[in-house]
């Protein structure tokens, strides 16, 4: 969320002369991916011990990679990550339409390197 002192740089006038301001960082703002990355990292941090999330959960920009030993383990970890990301205060959400679920290492190795940065 943008602080009150930073909102004027993200405000604009529409074609009718009405003033608008963003309360959250716009996705196309410079360095906005860092802000989302930071929010995801901070959101998951308190739940790492409770939900048993360790090296199996990696935050990369605005994406979260969740790995499990088998399908049941993966389902539990993904459920915990989704709950942690979408719990209150609600700012972030998981988009299952753009998610890859239950893919193996071979699939990840075939991806362009930009997906894994």
Protein backbone atom coordinates (compact mmCIF):
# COMPACT_ATOMS: atom_id res chain seq x y z
CA UNK A 1 0.00 0.00 0.00
CA UNK A 2 1.28 3.46 -0.83
CA UNK A 3 1.83 5.84 2.05
CA UNK A 4 0.03 9.19 2.00
CA UNK A 5 3.27 11.03 1.17
CA UNK A 6 3.80 8.87 -1.97
CA UNK A 7 0.26 8.96 -3.38
CA UNK A 8 0.64 12.28 -5.26
CA UNK A 9 3.23 10.70 -7.61
CA UNK A 10 0.63 8.06 -8.52
CA UNK A 11 -2.30 10.41 -9.02
CA UNK A 12 -3.73 11.59 -12.32
CA UNK A 13 -6.58 13.57 -13.88
CA UNK A 14 -9.04 11.87 -16.20
CA UNK A 15 -10.53 13.48 -19.32
CA UNK A 16 -13.29 15.12 -17.22
CA UNK A 17 -10.86 16.78 -14.83
CA UNK A 18 -11.51 14.40 -11.94
CA UNK A 19 -8.52 13.54 -9.74
CA UNK A 20 -7.68 9.89 -9.05
CA UNK A 21 -4.99 8.37 -6.88
CA UNK A 22 -3.78 4.84 -6.42
CA UNK A 23 -3.80 3.45 -2.88
CA UNK A 24 -1.77 0.42 -3.96
CA UNK A 25 1.31 0.23 -6.18
CA UNK A 26 0.20 0.01 -9.84
CA UNK A 27 1.54 -3.06 -11.65
CA UNK A 28 3.12 -0.99 -14.42
CA UNK A 29 4.94 1.38 -12.05
CA UNK A 30 8.75 1.13 -12.13
CA UNK A 31 10.02 -1.44 -9.61
CA UNK A 32 6.49 -2.57 -8.77
CA UNK A 33 7.58 -6.21 -9.13
CA UNK A 34 9.95 -5.66 -6.21
CA UNK A 35 7.09 -4.40 -4.07
CA UNK A 36 4.95 -7.44 -4.84
CA UNK A 37 7.93 -9.76 -4.26
CA UNK A 38 8.56 -8.12 -0.89
CA UNK A 39 4.89 -8.38 0.13
CA UNK A 40 4.75 -12.08 -0.77
CA UNK A 41 7.97 -12.79 1.11
CA UNK A 42 6.80 -10.92 4.20
CA UNK A 43 3.38 -12.58 4.04
CA UNK A 44 4.81 -16.11 4.02
CA UNK A 45 7.56 -15.53 6.60
CA UNK A 46 5.44 -15.83 9.80
CA UNK A 47 3.88 -19.09 8.59
CA UNK A 48 7.06 -20.91 7.57
CA UNK A 49 7.43 -22.72 10.90
CA UNK A 50 3.71 -23.22 11.52
CA UNK A 51 2.97 -24.66 8.07
CA UNK A 52 6.33 -26.39 7.65
CA UNK A 53 7.32 -24.21 4.71
CA UNK A 54 11.04 -24.14 4.11
CA UNK A 55 13.14 -24.57 1.01
CA UNK A 56 10.11 -26.10 -0.70
CA UNK A 57 8.56 -22.64 -1.13
CA UNK A 58 10.38 -20.07 -3.27
CA UNK A 59 9.14 -16.56 -4.04
CA UNK A 60 10.26 -15.26 -7.44
CA UNK A 61 8.95 -11.78 -8.24
CA UNK A 62 5.16 -12.17 -8.20
CA UNK A 63 5.19 -15.98 -8.41
CA UNK A 64 5.47 -18.62 -5.72
CA UNK A 65 7.03 -22.00 -6.50
CA UNK A 66 5.76 -24.71 -4.15
CA UNK A 67 7.37 -28.15 -4.25
CA UNK A 68 6.35 -31.32 -2.50
CA UNK A 69 7.60 -34.87 -2.06
CA UNK A 70 4.42 -36.38 -3.48
CA UNK A 71 0.96 -35.18 -4.51
CA UNK A 72 -0.46 -35.29 -0.98
CA UNK A 73 2.48 -33.33 0.46
CA UNK A 74 2.20 -30.82 -2.39
CA UNK A 75 -1.53 -30.38 -1.80
CA UNK A 76 -0.93 -29.59 1.89
CA UNK A 77 1.85 -27.11 1.13
CA UNK A 78 -0.12 -25.35 -1.62
CA UNK A 79 -3.14 -25.09 0.66
CA UNK A 80 -0.98 -23.51 3.35
CA UNK A 81 0.61 -21.06 0.93
CA UNK A 82 -2.75 -20.02 -0.55
CA UNK A 83 -4.17 -19.54 2.94
CA UNK A 84 -1.14 -17.49 4.07
CA UNK A 85 -1.21 -15.29 0.95
CA UNK A 86 -4.95 -14.61 0.99
CA UNK A 87 -5.56 -14.27 4.72
CA UNK A 88 -6.28 -10.91 6.31
CA UNK A 89 -5.26 -8.23 5.70
CA UNK A 90 -6.16 -9.23 2.18
CA UNK A 91 -3.97 -7.55 -0.45
CA UNK A 92 -2.73 -10.38 -2.62
CA UNK A 93 -4.50 -13.26 -4.30
CA UNK A 94 -3.61 -16.51 -5.99
CA UNK A 95 -4.68 -16.73 -9.62
CA UNK A 96 -5.33 -20.42 -10.28
CA UNK A 97 -6.15 -19.72 -13.94
CA UNK A 98 -2.52 -18.74 -14.47
CA UNK A 99 -1.03 -21.42 -12.22
CA UNK A 100 0.82 -24.59 -13.07
CA UNK A 101 -0.23 -27.35 -10.76
CA UNK A 102 1.48 -30.70 -10.34
CA UNK A 103 4.28 -30.24 -12.88
CA UNK A 104 7.56 -32.12 -12.66
CA UNK A 105 11.21 -31.07 -12.89
CA UNK A 106 11.38 -31.91 -16.59
CA UNK A 107 8.64 -29.37 -17.32
CA UNK A 108 10.49 -26.68 -15.33
CA UNK A 109 13.78 -27.45 -17.08
CA UNK A 110 12.10 -26.91 -20.45
CA UNK A 111 10.92 -23.42 -19.57
CA UNK A 112 12.62 -20.30 -20.82
CA UNK A 113 15.00 -18.93 -18.19
CA UNK A 114 12.90 -15.77 -17.82
CA UNK A 115 10.21 -17.82 -16.03
CA UNK A 116 12.69 -18.97 -13.40
CA UNK A 117 14.43 -15.67 -12.59
